[in-house]
Amino acid sequence: MQKLDYRPPQVPLDILHHDHELLLVNKPAGLLSVPGKGDHLSDCLIARVQEAFPEALLVHRLDMDTSGVMVFGLTPHAQRHLGLQFEKRQMKKTYVARVWGLVADKTGEVDLPLIVDWPNRPLQMVDHETGKPAQTAWRVVKRGAAETRLRLYPRTGRSHQLRVHMREIGHPILGDPLYATGAARDFPRLMLHAESLRLRHPDGGKGLTFSAKAPF
């Protein structure tokens, strides 16, 4: 397997919210959520967060190439509470993506089961026999000359789900180093951003939404 040329952005933590149970951070593109294998992949968001908040606990991840909202628990109770919300699909996630080509319809849903493409991992692929269920709803925000801006609403949280689903409907996410080809790949970053996260606060259950504007 080729060694990853990892050059994470050296930017300060972008803290969106901090209280006694929750920490929400806007992850930059190009930074791993958790450390990879080897010292060269040790710099990651959880390590940076724990420098400032040693009690911070991981709840979920974003792909290295994806930017946007991530939540951390600041107590074991908060970590469990938030983890269950993800598990039960109570956490509402919204992404913004720029995709190749002009998407014809205004809205739609992709329902294609996914599984790891084992010989080519970490790539994922559609497999109707052994894949795990994966659903993504989408809505057109605006169309350009040769691209479309979408909002994506994952119903499930499979690895690379949004990236594979968009490619499968013929509209790969721009700048995707794994799933886009040709001109669609020729962008400075993956044009995918976790724009907002709606959750219930671990202390009292109040519904809250946290957002970070897409940088593209």
N, C-alpha and C. Protein backbone atom coordinates (compact mmCIF):
# COMPACT_ATOMS: atom_id res chain seq x y z
N MET A 1 0.84 -1.20 0.00
CA MET A 1 0.00 0.00 0.00
C MET A 1 0.88 1.25 0.00
N GLN A 2 0.56 2.22 -0.84
CA GLN A 2 1.38 3.41 -0.97
C GLN A 2 1.30 4.26 0.30
N LYS A 3 2.46 4.78 0.69
CA LYS A 3 2.51 5.63 1.89
C LYS A 3 1.79 6.95 1.60
N LEU A 4 0.93 7.35 2.51
CA LEU A 4 0.15 8.57 2.34
C LEU A 4 1.05 9.79 2.47
N ASP A 5 0.99 10.67 1.48
CA ASP A 5 1.71 11.95 1.56
C ASP A 5 0.85 12.88 2.42
N TYR A 6 1.11 12.87 3.70
CA TYR A 6 0.23 13.54 4.66
C TYR A 6 0.81 14.88 5.07
N ARG A 7 0.11 15.93 4.67
CA ARG A 7 0.54 17.29 5.03
C ARG A 7 -0.64 18.04 5.64
N PRO A 8 -0.94 17.74 6.90
CA PRO A 8 -2.12 18.35 7.51
C PRO A 8 -1.98 19.86 7.65
N PRO A 9 -3.09 20.58 7.49
CA PRO A 9 -3.03 22.04 7.61
C PRO A 9 -2.69 22.47 9.04
N GLN A 10 -1.79 23.41 9.17
CA GLN A 10 -1.40 23.92 10.49
C GLN A 10 -2.24 25.17 10.80
N VAL A 11 -3.42 24.93 11.28
CA VAL A 11 -4.36 26.01 11.59
C VAL A 11 -4.84 25.85 13.03
N PRO A 12 -5.23 26.94 13.69
CA PRO A 12 -5.73 26.81 15.06
C PRO A 12 -7.07 26.09 15.11
N LEU A 13 -7.40 25.52 16.26
CA LEU A 13 -8.70 24.88 16.45
C LEU A 13 -9.81 25.89 16.23
N ASP A 14 -10.81 25.47 15.45
CA ASP A 14 -11.98 26.31 15.20
C ASP A 14 -13.12 25.76 16.05
N ILE A 15 -13.28 26.33 17.25
CA ILE A 15 -14.26 25.81 18.21
C ILE A 15 -15.61 26.48 17.96
N LEU A 16 -16.63 25.67 17.75
CA LEU A 16 -17.98 26.15 17.46
C LEU A 16 -18.81 26.26 18.73
N HIS A 17 -18.56 25.37 19.70
CA HIS A 17 -19.35 25.35 20.94
C HIS A 17 -18.59 24.55 22.00
N HIS A 18 -18.69 25.03 23.24
CA HIS A 18 -18.03 24.34 24.35
C HIS A 18 -18.87 24.54 25.60
N ASP A 19 -19.28 23.43 26.24
CA ASP A 19 -19.93 23.53 27.54
C ASP A 19 -19.45 22.36 28.41
N HIS A 20 -20.13 22.07 29.49
CA HIS A 20 -19.64 21.06 30.44
C HIS A 20 -19.72 19.64 29.90
N GLU A 21 -20.47 19.41 28.82
CA GLU A 21 -20.62 18.06 28.26
C GLU A 21 -20.16 17.95 26.81
N LEU A 22 -20.23 19.04 26.08
CA LEU A 22 -20.04 19.00 24.63
C LEU A 22 -18.91 19.92 24.16
N LEU A 23 -18.23 19.46 23.12
CA LEU A 23 -17.30 20.29 22.38
C LEU A 23 -17.55 20.07 20.90
N LEU A 24 -17.80 21.13 20.17
CA LEU A 24 -17.99 21.03 18.71
C LEU A 24 -16.93 21.84 18.01
N VAL A 25 -16.32 21.21 17.01
CA VAL A 25 -15.17 21.78 16.32
C VAL A 25 -15.41 21.69 14.82
N ASN A 26 -14.91 22.68 14.09
CA ASN A 26 -14.96 22.68 12.63
C ASN A 26 -13.65 22.10 12.12
N LYS A 27 -13.68 20.84 11.67
CA LYS A 27 -12.46 20.16 11.20
C LYS A 27 -12.03 20.69 9.84
N PRO A 28 -10.75 21.02 9.67
CA PRO A 28 -10.29 21.42 8.33
C PRO A 28 -10.11 20.22 7.42
N ALA A 29 -10.24 20.42 6.13
CA ALA A 29 -9.94 19.37 5.15
C ALA A 29 -8.45 19.05 5.22
N GLY A 30 -8.12 17.77 5.03
CA GLY A 30 -6.71 17.37 5.00
C GLY A 30 -6.16 16.92 6.34
N LEU A 31 -6.99 16.95 7.39
CA LEU A 31 -6.56 16.53 8.73
C LEU A 31 -7.31 15.25 9.10
N LEU A 32 -6.58 14.22 9.52
CA LEU A 32 -7.22 13.00 9.99
C LEU A 32 -8.04 13.28 11.25
N SER A 33 -9.13 12.55 11.42
CA SER A 33 -9.92 12.66 12.66
C SER A 33 -9.21 11.97 13.81
N VAL A 34 -8.62 10.81 13.52
CA VAL A 34 -7.90 10.01 14.52
C VAL A 34 -6.56 9.63 13.91
N PRO A 35 -5.58 9.23 14.74
CA PRO A 35 -4.27 8.92 14.18
C PRO A 35 -4.30 7.70 13.26
N GLY A 36 -3.44 7.74 12.24
CA GLY A 36 -3.27 6.59 11.37
C GLY A 36 -2.13 5.72 11.89
N LYS A 37 -1.75 4.71 11.12
CA LYS A 37 -0.66 3.82 11.53
C LYS A 37 0.68 4.45 11.14
N GLY A 38 1.54 4.63 12.12
CA GLY A 38 2.85 5.24 11.87
C GLY A 38 2.94 6.65 12.44
N ASP A 39 4.15 7.03 12.83
CA ASP A 39 4.36 8.34 13.45
C ASP A 39 3.98 9.49 12.53
N HIS A 40 4.16 9.28 11.20
CA HIS A 40 3.87 10.36 10.25
C HIS A 40 2.37 10.66 10.17
N LEU A 41 1.54 9.78 10.74
CA LEU A 41 0.08 9.99 10.72
C LEU A 41 -0.47 10.24 12.14
N SER A 42 0.40 10.72 13.02
CA SER A 42 -0.03 10.92 14.41
C SER A 42 -0.77 12.24 14.61
N ASP A 43 -0.48 13.24 13.79
CA ASP A 43 -1.18 14.53 13.91
C ASP A 43 -2.62 14.36 13.42
N CYS A 44 -3.59 14.66 14.29
CA CYS A 44 -4.99 14.46 13.93
C CYS A 44 -5.85 15.36 14.80
N LEU A 45 -7.13 15.43 14.47
CA LEU A 45 -8.01 16.35 15.20
C LEU A 45 -8.16 15.96 16.67
N ILE A 46 -8.34 14.66 16.97
CA ILE A 46 -8.53 14.27 18.38
C ILE A 46 -7.29 14.62 19.21
N ALA A 47 -6.09 14.46 18.63
CA ALA A 47 -4.87 14.81 19.36
C ALA A 47 -4.80 16.32 19.62
N ARG A 48 -5.15 17.11 18.62
CA ARG A 48 -5.14 18.57 18.79
C ARG A 48 -6.19 19.01 19.81
N VAL A 49 -7.37 18.38 19.73
CA VAL A 49 -8.45 18.71 20.67
C VAL A 49 -8.02 18.36 22.10
N GLN A 50 -7.39 17.20 22.27
CA GLN A 50 -7.02 16.75 23.62
C GLN A 50 -5.86 17.55 24.21
N GLU A 51 -5.12 18.26 23.37
CA GLU A 51 -4.11 19.18 23.90
C GLU A 51 -4.79 20.31 24.67
N ALA A 52 -5.91 20.78 24.14
CA ALA A 52 -6.64 21.88 24.78
C ALA A 52 -7.68 21.37 25.78
N PHE A 53 -8.26 20.20 25.49
CA PHE A 53 -9.31 19.61 26.33
C PHE A 53 -8.95 18.15 26.59
N PRO A 54 -8.09 17.87 27.58
CA PRO A 54 -7.61 16.50 27.81
C PRO A 54 -8.72 15.49 28.06
N GLU A 55 -9.88 15.96 28.52
CA GLU A 55 -10.99 15.06 28.84
C GLU A 55 -11.83 14.69 27.62
N ALA A 56 -11.54 15.29 26.46
CA ALA A 56 -12.37 15.08 25.25
C ALA A 56 -12.32 13.63 24.79
N LEU A 57 -13.49 13.09 24.41
CA LEU A 57 -13.64 11.70 23.99
C LEU A 57 -14.24 11.63 22.60
N LEU A 58 -13.74 10.72 21.78
CA LEU A 58 -14.19 10.58 20.40
C LEU A 58 -15.61 10.01 20.34
N VAL A 59 -16.42 10.55 19.45
CA VAL A 59 -17.79 10.06 19.25
C VAL A 59 -17.97 9.53 17.82
N HIS A 60 -17.41 10.23 16.85
CA HIS A 60 -17.56 9.85 15.43
C HIS A 60 -16.36 10.39 14.67
N ARG A 61 -16.34 10.17 13.38
CA ARG A 61 -15.21 10.61 12.54
C ARG A 61 -15.72 11.27 11.27
N LEU A 62 -14.85 12.05 10.66
CA LEU A 62 -15.04 12.51 9.29
C LEU A 62 -13.83 12.04 8.49
N ASP A 63 -14.02 11.74 7.21
CA ASP A 63 -12.89 11.40 6.34
C ASP A 63 -11.85 12.52 6.40
N MET A 64 -10.59 12.14 6.20
CA MET A 64 -9.51 13.13 6.20
C MET A 64 -9.79 14.29 5.24
N ASP A 65 -10.32 13.96 4.06
CA ASP A 65 -10.50 14.98 3.02
C ASP A 65 -11.75 15.84 3.22
N THR A 66 -12.60 15.46 4.16
CA THR A 66 -13.85 16.19 4.42
C THR A 66 -13.64 17.19 5.55
N SER A 67 -14.21 18.38 5.38
CA SER A 67 -14.18 19.39 6.45
C SER A 67 -15.54 19.43 7.14
N GLY A 68 -15.59 20.14 8.27
CA GLY A 68 -16.88 20.41 8.87
C GLY A 68 -17.05 20.02 10.33
N VAL A 69 -18.32 20.00 10.74
CA VAL A 69 -18.69 19.90 12.15
C VAL A 69 -18.44 18.51 12.72
N MET A 70 -17.68 18.47 13.82
CA MET A 70 -17.49 17.24 14.59
C MET A 70 -17.79 17.51 16.05
N VAL A 71 -18.42 16.53 16.71
CA VAL A 71 -18.75 16.67 18.13
C VAL A 71 -17.90 15.69 18.95
N PHE A 72 -17.46 16.16 20.11
CA PHE A 72 -16.73 15.34 21.08
C PHE A 72 -17.48 15.39 22.40
N GLY A 73 -17.46 14.29 23.13
CA GLY A 73 -18.01 14.27 24.48
C GLY A 73 -16.94 14.69 25.47
N LEU A 74 -17.31 15.44 26.49
CA LEU A 74 -16.35 15.86 27.51
C LEU A 74 -16.48 15.06 28.80
N THR A 75 -17.43 14.13 28.82
CA THR A 75 -17.56 13.18 29.93
C THR A 75 -17.91 11.81 29.33
N PRO A 76 -17.65 10.73 30.06
CA PRO A 76 -18.07 9.41 29.56
C PRO A 76 -19.58 9.34 29.31
N HIS A 77 -20.37 10.01 30.16
CA HIS A 77 -21.82 10.04 29.94
C HIS A 77 -22.16 10.68 28.60
N ALA A 78 -21.53 11.82 28.31
CA ALA A 78 -21.80 12.52 27.05
C ALA A 78 -21.39 11.66 25.86
N GLN A 79 -20.24 10.98 25.96
CA GLN A 79 -19.79 10.12 24.87
C GLN A 79 -20.79 9.00 24.60
N ARG A 80 -21.28 8.37 25.67
CA ARG A 80 -22.28 7.29 25.51
C ARG A 80 -23.57 7.81 24.91
N HIS A 81 -24.04 8.93 25.43
CA HIS A 81 -25.30 9.55 25.00
C HIS A 81 -25.24 9.89 23.51
N LEU A 82 -24.15 10.54 23.10
CA LEU A 82 -24.00 10.94 21.71
C LEU A 82 -23.81 9.72 20.81
N GLY A 83 -23.05 8.73 21.30
CA GLY A 83 -22.85 7.50 20.53
C GLY A 83 -24.15 6.79 20.24
N LEU A 84 -25.04 6.75 21.24
CA LEU A 84 -26.35 6.12 21.04
C LEU A 84 -27.19 6.89 20.03
N GLN A 85 -27.08 8.22 20.04
CA GLN A 85 -27.83 9.02 19.05
C GLN A 85 -27.38 8.69 17.63
N PHE A 86 -26.08 8.51 17.44
CA PHE A 86 -25.58 8.09 16.13
C PHE A 86 -26.09 6.69 15.78
N GLU A 87 -25.98 5.79 16.75
CA GLU A 87 -26.36 4.40 16.53
C GLU A 87 -27.83 4.27 16.16
N LYS A 88 -28.68 5.06 16.83
CA LYS A 88 -30.13 4.99 16.60
C LYS A 88 -30.58 5.93 15.47
N ARG A 89 -29.60 6.55 14.81
CA ARG A 89 -29.88 7.47 13.68
C ARG A 89 -30.74 8.64 14.09
N GLN A 90 -30.53 9.11 15.32
CA GLN A 90 -31.26 10.29 15.81
C GLN A 90 -30.47 11.58 15.52
N MET A 91 -29.21 11.43 15.21
CA MET A 91 -28.35 12.56 14.90
C MET A 91 -28.62 12.98 13.45
N LYS A 92 -28.97 14.21 13.24
CA LYS A 92 -29.29 14.68 11.88
C LYS A 92 -28.08 15.42 11.31
N LYS A 93 -27.56 14.90 10.19
CA LYS A 93 -26.36 15.48 9.58
C LYS A 93 -26.71 16.06 8.21
N THR A 94 -26.16 17.23 7.94
CA THR A 94 -26.32 17.86 6.63
C THR A 94 -24.94 18.19 6.07
N TYR A 95 -24.73 17.82 4.82
CA TYR A 95 -23.47 18.10 4.14
C TYR A 95 -23.73 19.00 2.93
N VAL A 96 -22.70 19.74 2.54
CA VAL A 96 -22.72 20.48 1.28
C VAL A 96 -21.67 19.85 0.37
N ALA A 97 -22.02 19.66 -0.89
CA ALA A 97 -21.07 19.07 -1.85
C ALA A 97 -21.19 19.77 -3.20
N ARG A 98 -20.07 19.91 -3.87
CA ARG A 98 -20.06 20.30 -5.27
C ARG A 98 -19.78 19.04 -6.08
N VAL A 99 -20.67 18.72 -7.00
CA VAL A 99 -20.53 17.48 -7.76
C VAL A 99 -20.40 17.75 -9.26
N TRP A 100 -19.84 16.79 -9.94
CA TRP A 100 -19.59 16.88 -11.38
C TRP A 100 -20.91 16.80 -12.15
N GLY A 101 -21.06 17.66 -13.15
CA GLY A 101 -22.21 17.60 -14.05
C GLY A 101 -23.44 18.28 -13.49
N LEU A 102 -24.48 18.30 -14.31
CA LEU A 102 -25.73 18.96 -13.93
C LEU A 102 -26.74 17.89 -13.50
N VAL A 103 -27.10 17.94 -12.22
CA VAL A 103 -28.07 16.99 -11.68
C VAL A 103 -29.46 17.41 -12.16
N ALA A 104 -30.17 16.50 -12.81
CA ALA A 104 -31.42 16.86 -13.50
C ALA A 104 -32.56 17.16 -12.52
N ASP A 105 -32.79 16.28 -11.57
CA ASP A 105 -33.92 16.47 -10.66
C ASP A 105 -33.58 17.46 -9.55
N LYS A 106 -34.62 17.91 -8.85
CA LYS A 106 -34.41 18.85 -7.73
C LYS A 106 -34.04 18.11 -6.45
N THR A 107 -34.63 16.94 -6.27
CA THR A 107 -34.36 16.14 -5.07
C THR A 107 -34.31 14.67 -5.46
N GLY A 108 -33.77 13.87 -4.56
CA GLY A 108 -33.75 12.44 -4.82
C GLY A 108 -33.17 11.70 -3.63
N GLU A 109 -33.13 10.38 -3.75
CA GLU A 109 -32.54 9.55 -2.71
C GLU A 109 -31.79 8.39 -3.35
N VAL A 110 -30.62 8.10 -2.82
CA VAL A 110 -29.82 6.96 -3.26
C VAL A 110 -29.94 5.88 -2.19
N ASP A 111 -30.28 4.67 -2.60
CA ASP A 111 -30.41 3.56 -1.67
C ASP A 111 -29.60 2.39 -2.24
N LEU A 112 -28.31 2.36 -1.90
CA LEU A 112 -27.40 1.34 -2.43
C LEU A 112 -26.53 0.81 -1.29
N PRO A 113 -26.57 -0.51 -1.02
CA PRO A 113 -25.80 -1.09 0.08
C PRO A 113 -24.30 -1.07 -0.20
N LEU A 114 -23.51 -0.84 0.84
CA LEU A 114 -22.06 -0.67 0.67
C LEU A 114 -21.27 -1.68 1.51
N ILE A 115 -20.10 -2.01 0.98
CA ILE A 115 -19.17 -2.90 1.68
C ILE A 115 -17.76 -2.48 1.28
N VAL A 116 -16.77 -2.80 2.13
CA VAL A 116 -15.40 -2.46 1.78
C VAL A 116 -14.96 -3.28 0.57
N ASP A 117 -14.26 -2.62 -0.35
CA ASP A 117 -13.67 -3.28 -1.52
C ASP A 117 -12.31 -3.83 -1.06
N TRP A 118 -12.34 -5.04 -0.50
CA TRP A 118 -11.23 -5.54 0.31
C TRP A 118 -9.87 -5.45 -0.37
N PRO A 119 -9.70 -5.89 -1.63
CA PRO A 119 -8.37 -5.81 -2.26
C PRO A 119 -7.92 -4.36 -2.46
N ASN A 120 -8.88 -3.43 -2.48
CA ASN A 120 -8.56 -2.02 -2.77
C ASN A 120 -8.89 -1.11 -1.59
N ARG A 121 -8.93 -1.68 -0.36
CA ARG A 121 -9.29 -0.86 0.78
C ARG A 121 -8.34 0.34 0.89
N PRO A 122 -8.76 1.52 1.35
CA PRO A 122 -10.04 1.76 2.04
C PRO A 122 -11.24 2.02 1.13
N LEU A 123 -11.13 1.74 -0.17
CA LEU A 123 -12.27 1.99 -1.04
C LEU A 123 -13.48 1.13 -0.63
N GLN A 124 -14.66 1.71 -0.84
CA GLN A 124 -15.92 1.02 -0.59
C GLN A 124 -16.60 0.78 -1.94
N MET A 125 -17.52 -0.17 -1.97
CA MET A 125 -18.22 -0.45 -3.23
C MET A 125 -19.66 -0.89 -2.94
N VAL A 126 -20.48 -0.81 -3.96
CA VAL A 126 -21.87 -1.27 -3.86
C VAL A 126 -21.88 -2.79 -3.99
N ASP A 127 -22.61 -3.44 -3.08
CA ASP A 127 -22.77 -4.89 -3.14
C ASP A 127 -24.17 -5.24 -2.65
N HIS A 128 -25.03 -5.67 -3.59
CA HIS A 128 -26.43 -5.91 -3.26
C HIS A 128 -26.64 -7.19 -2.45
N GLU A 129 -25.63 -8.07 -2.42
CA GLU A 129 -25.77 -9.32 -1.67
C GLU A 129 -25.28 -9.22 -0.24
N THR A 130 -24.10 -8.64 -0.06
CA THR A 130 -23.50 -8.63 1.29
C THR A 130 -23.27 -7.22 1.84
N GLY A 131 -23.61 -6.19 1.08
CA GLY A 131 -23.41 -4.82 1.55
C GLY A 131 -24.36 -4.44 2.68
N LYS A 132 -23.94 -3.46 3.48
CA LYS A 132 -24.80 -2.95 4.55
C LYS A 132 -25.69 -1.85 4.00
N PRO A 133 -26.95 -1.76 4.48
CA PRO A 133 -27.86 -0.74 3.96
C PRO A 133 -27.27 0.66 4.07
N ALA A 134 -27.46 1.47 3.03
CA ALA A 134 -26.96 2.85 3.02
C ALA A 134 -27.91 3.70 2.20
N GLN A 135 -28.39 4.78 2.82
CA GLN A 135 -29.33 5.69 2.14
C GLN A 135 -28.85 7.14 2.28
N THR A 136 -28.93 7.86 1.19
CA THR A 136 -28.58 9.27 1.16
C THR A 136 -29.65 10.05 0.41
N ALA A 137 -30.27 11.02 1.07
CA ALA A 137 -31.18 11.94 0.39
C ALA A 137 -30.37 13.15 -0.08
N TRP A 138 -30.80 13.78 -1.17
CA TRP A 138 -30.09 14.95 -1.67
C TRP A 138 -31.06 15.99 -2.24
N ARG A 139 -30.58 17.23 -2.26
CA ARG A 139 -31.39 18.33 -2.80
C ARG A 139 -30.48 19.31 -3.51
N VAL A 140 -30.87 19.74 -4.69
CA VAL A 140 -30.07 20.71 -5.45
C VAL A 140 -30.17 22.09 -4.81
N VAL A 141 -29.00 22.70 -4.60
CA VAL A 141 -28.95 24.09 -4.11
C VAL A 141 -28.85 25.03 -5.30
N LYS A 142 -27.91 24.76 -6.20
CA LYS A 142 -27.82 25.54 -7.44
C LYS A 142 -26.99 24.79 -8.47
N ARG A 143 -27.23 25.12 -9.73
CA ARG A 143 -26.49 24.50 -10.83
C ARG A 143 -25.58 25.54 -11.46
N GLY A 144 -24.36 25.11 -11.79
CA GLY A 144 -23.41 25.98 -12.48
C GLY A 144 -23.30 25.60 -13.94
N ALA A 145 -22.18 25.92 -14.56
CA ALA A 145 -22.00 25.60 -15.98
C ALA A 145 -21.83 24.10 -16.19
N ALA A 146 -21.04 23.47 -15.32
CA ALA A 146 -20.77 22.04 -15.49
C ALA A 146 -20.75 21.30 -14.15
N GLU A 147 -21.31 21.93 -13.14
CA GLU A 147 -21.34 21.30 -11.81
C GLU A 147 -22.62 21.69 -11.08
N THR A 148 -22.91 20.95 -10.01
CA THR A 148 -24.11 21.20 -9.21
C THR A 148 -23.72 21.24 -7.73
N ARG A 149 -24.30 22.19 -7.03
CA ARG A 149 -24.12 22.26 -5.58
C ARG A 149 -25.31 21.57 -4.92
N LEU A 150 -25.01 20.61 -4.05
CA LEU A 150 -26.07 19.82 -3.41
C LEU A 150 -25.99 19.95 -1.89
N ARG A 151 -27.14 19.73 -1.26
CA ARG A 151 -27.15 19.39 0.16
C ARG A 151 -27.42 17.90 0.25
N LEU A 152 -26.64 17.23 1.09
CA LEU A 152 -26.76 15.78 1.24
C LEU A 152 -27.19 15.46 2.66
N TYR A 153 -28.13 14.52 2.77
CA TYR A 153 -28.69 14.15 4.08
C TYR A 153 -28.54 12.63 4.25
N PRO A 154 -27.41 12.19 4.82
CA PRO A 154 -27.23 10.74 5.00
C PRO A 154 -28.21 10.18 6.02
N ARG A 155 -28.91 9.12 5.65
CA ARG A 155 -29.81 8.44 6.59
C ARG A 155 -29.03 7.39 7.40
N THR A 156 -27.91 6.94 6.83
CA THR A 156 -27.04 5.98 7.49
C THR A 156 -25.64 6.58 7.51
N GLY A 157 -24.71 5.92 8.18
CA GLY A 157 -23.37 6.49 8.33
C GLY A 157 -22.27 5.55 7.88
N ARG A 158 -22.39 4.99 6.69
CA ARG A 158 -21.36 4.08 6.19
C ARG A 158 -20.10 4.84 5.75
N SER A 159 -18.99 4.14 5.82
CA SER A 159 -17.72 4.73 5.38
C SER A 159 -17.80 5.12 3.90
N HIS A 160 -17.40 6.36 3.60
CA HIS A 160 -17.37 6.89 2.22
C HIS A 160 -18.75 6.89 1.56
N GLN A 161 -19.80 6.82 2.35
CA GLN A 161 -21.15 6.67 1.79
C GLN A 161 -21.50 7.76 0.77
N LEU A 162 -21.31 9.01 1.15
CA LEU A 162 -21.71 10.11 0.25
C LEU A 162 -20.88 10.09 -1.03
N ARG A 163 -19.61 9.77 -0.88
CA ARG A 163 -18.69 9.78 -2.02
C ARG A 163 -19.05 8.68 -3.02
N VAL A 164 -19.33 7.48 -2.52
CA VAL A 164 -19.69 6.38 -3.42
C VAL A 164 -21.07 6.60 -4.02
N HIS A 165 -22.02 7.04 -3.21
CA HIS A 165 -23.38 7.25 -3.72
C HIS A 165 -23.41 8.30 -4.83
N MET A 166 -22.67 9.38 -4.67
CA MET A 166 -22.67 10.41 -5.71
C MET A 166 -22.02 9.89 -7.00
N ARG A 167 -20.94 9.14 -6.85
CA ARG A 167 -20.33 8.56 -8.05
C ARG A 167 -21.29 7.60 -8.75
N GLU A 168 -22.01 6.81 -7.96
CA GLU A 168 -22.90 5.80 -8.53
C GLU A 168 -24.04 6.41 -9.34
N ILE A 169 -24.46 7.63 -9.00
CA ILE A 169 -25.52 8.28 -9.79
C ILE A 169 -24.94 9.16 -10.90
N GLY A 170 -23.61 9.02 -11.12
CA GLY A 170 -22.97 9.72 -12.23
C GLY A 170 -22.53 11.13 -11.94
N HIS A 171 -22.49 11.51 -10.65
CA HIS A 171 -22.09 12.86 -10.26
C HIS A 171 -21.08 12.81 -9.12
N PRO A 172 -19.84 12.34 -9.40
CA PRO A 172 -18.83 12.25 -8.34
C PRO A 172 -18.57 13.61 -7.71
N ILE A 173 -18.21 13.60 -6.43
CA ILE A 173 -17.88 14.85 -5.74
C ILE A 173 -16.57 15.37 -6.31
N LEU A 174 -16.54 16.65 -6.62
CA LEU A 174 -15.35 17.27 -7.22
C LEU A 174 -14.15 17.14 -6.27
N GLY A 175 -13.00 16.85 -6.86
CA GLY A 175 -11.77 16.76 -6.08
C GLY A 175 -11.62 15.49 -5.29
N ASP A 176 -12.47 14.50 -5.53
CA ASP A 176 -12.39 13.25 -4.77
C ASP A 176 -11.22 12.41 -5.28
N PRO A 177 -10.17 12.22 -4.46
CA PRO A 177 -9.00 11.49 -4.92
C PRO A 177 -9.24 10.00 -5.09
N LEU A 178 -10.32 9.49 -4.50
CA LEU A 178 -10.60 8.05 -4.56
C LEU A 178 -11.65 7.67 -5.59
N TYR A 179 -12.66 8.50 -5.77
CA TYR A 179 -13.81 8.08 -6.58
C TYR A 179 -14.07 8.94 -7.82
N ALA A 180 -13.41 10.07 -7.92
CA ALA A 180 -13.57 10.91 -9.13
C ALA A 180 -12.45 10.59 -10.11
N THR A 181 -12.70 10.83 -11.40
CA THR A 181 -11.68 10.60 -12.42
C THR A 181 -11.63 11.81 -13.34
N GLY A 182 -10.53 11.92 -14.08
CA GLY A 182 -10.40 12.98 -15.09
C GLY A 182 -10.54 14.37 -14.49
N ALA A 183 -11.25 15.23 -15.23
CA ALA A 183 -11.38 16.64 -14.82
C ALA A 183 -12.11 16.79 -13.49
N ALA A 184 -12.98 15.84 -13.16
CA ALA A 184 -13.73 15.93 -11.89
C ALA A 184 -12.80 15.83 -10.68
N ARG A 185 -11.65 15.22 -10.90
CA ARG A 185 -10.70 15.02 -9.80
C ARG A 185 -9.75 16.20 -9.62
N ASP A 186 -9.67 17.04 -10.64
CA ASP A 186 -8.65 18.09 -10.70
C ASP A 186 -9.06 19.33 -9.91
N PHE A 187 -9.20 19.18 -8.61
CA PHE A 187 -9.57 20.29 -7.73
C PHE A 187 -8.64 20.26 -6.51
N PRO A 188 -8.46 21.40 -5.84
CA PRO A 188 -7.48 21.46 -4.75
C PRO A 188 -7.86 20.66 -3.51
N ARG A 189 -9.14 20.27 -3.38
CA ARG A 189 -9.58 19.49 -2.22
C ARG A 189 -10.88 18.77 -2.58
N LEU A 190 -11.26 17.83 -1.73
CA LEU A 190 -12.57 17.19 -1.85
C LEU A 190 -13.64 18.23 -1.50
N MET A 191 -14.57 18.45 -2.41
CA MET A 191 -15.60 19.47 -2.21
C MET A 191 -16.78 18.90 -1.43
N LEU A 192 -16.48 18.49 -0.19
CA LEU A 192 -17.49 17.92 0.70
C LEU A 192 -17.28 18.48 2.09
N HIS A 193 -18.36 19.02 2.67
CA HIS A 193 -18.26 19.70 3.96
C HIS A 193 -19.45 19.33 4.83
N ALA A 194 -19.17 18.90 6.06
CA ALA A 194 -20.23 18.59 7.03
C ALA A 194 -20.74 19.91 7.60
N GLU A 195 -21.86 20.36 7.05
CA GLU A 195 -22.33 21.72 7.33
C GLU A 195 -23.01 21.85 8.69
N SER A 196 -23.81 20.86 9.07
CA SER A 196 -24.52 20.99 10.35
C SER A 196 -24.79 19.64 10.98
N LEU A 197 -24.98 19.69 12.30
CA LEU A 197 -25.24 18.51 13.10
C LEU A 197 -26.34 18.88 14.09
N ARG A 198 -27.44 18.14 14.04
CA ARG A 198 -28.51 18.35 15.01
C ARG A 198 -28.50 17.20 15.99
N LEU A 199 -28.44 17.52 17.29
CA LEU A 199 -28.33 16.50 18.33
C LEU A 199 -29.14 16.90 19.55
N ARG A 200 -29.27 15.93 20.46
CA ARG A 200 -29.89 16.20 21.75
C ARG A 200 -28.79 16.35 22.79
N HIS A 201 -28.88 17.39 23.60
CA HIS A 201 -27.83 17.63 24.60
C HIS A 201 -27.85 16.51 25.64
N PRO A 202 -26.68 15.95 25.97
CA PRO A 202 -26.64 14.85 26.96
C PRO A 202 -27.17 15.23 28.34
N ASP A 203 -27.17 16.52 28.63
CA ASP A 203 -27.69 16.99 29.91
C ASP A 203 -29.06 17.62 29.69
N GLY A 204 -30.11 16.81 29.73
CA GLY A 204 -31.48 17.35 29.60
C GLY A 204 -32.17 17.03 28.31
N GLY A 205 -31.43 16.67 27.26
CA GLY A 205 -32.04 16.23 26.01
C GLY A 205 -32.54 17.31 25.08
N LYS A 206 -32.18 18.57 25.34
CA LYS A 206 -32.63 19.66 24.47
C LYS A 206 -32.04 19.51 23.07
N GLY A 207 -32.88 19.72 22.03
CA GLY A 207 -32.41 19.66 20.65
C GLY A 207 -31.61 20.89 20.28
N LEU A 208 -30.42 20.68 19.71
CA LEU A 208 -29.53 21.79 19.34
C LEU A 208 -28.96 21.52 17.95
N THR A 209 -28.75 22.58 17.19
CA THR A 209 -28.12 22.46 15.88
C THR A 209 -26.86 23.31 15.84
N PHE A 210 -25.77 22.72 15.37
CA PHE A 210 -24.50 23.42 15.25
C PHE A 210 -24.07 23.40 13.79
N SER A 211 -23.60 24.55 13.30
CA SER A 211 -23.30 24.68 11.86
C SER A 211 -21.96 25.35 11.65
N ALA A 212 -21.37 25.05 10.50
CA ALA A 212 -20.14 25.71 10.04
C ALA A 212 -20.27 25.88 8.53
N LYS A 213 -20.10 27.12 8.06
CA LYS A 213 -20.30 27.43 6.64
C LYS A 213 -19.25 26.72 5.78
N ALA A 214 -19.67 26.22 4.65
CA ALA A 214 -18.74 25.56 3.73
C ALA A 214 -17.71 26.56 3.23
N PRO A 215 -16.42 26.17 3.19
CA PRO A 215 -15.37 27.10 2.74
C PRO A 215 -15.21 27.14 1.22
N PHE A 216 -16.15 26.54 0.48
CA PHE A 216 -16.05 26.53 -0.99
C PHE A 216 -17.39 26.89 -1.61
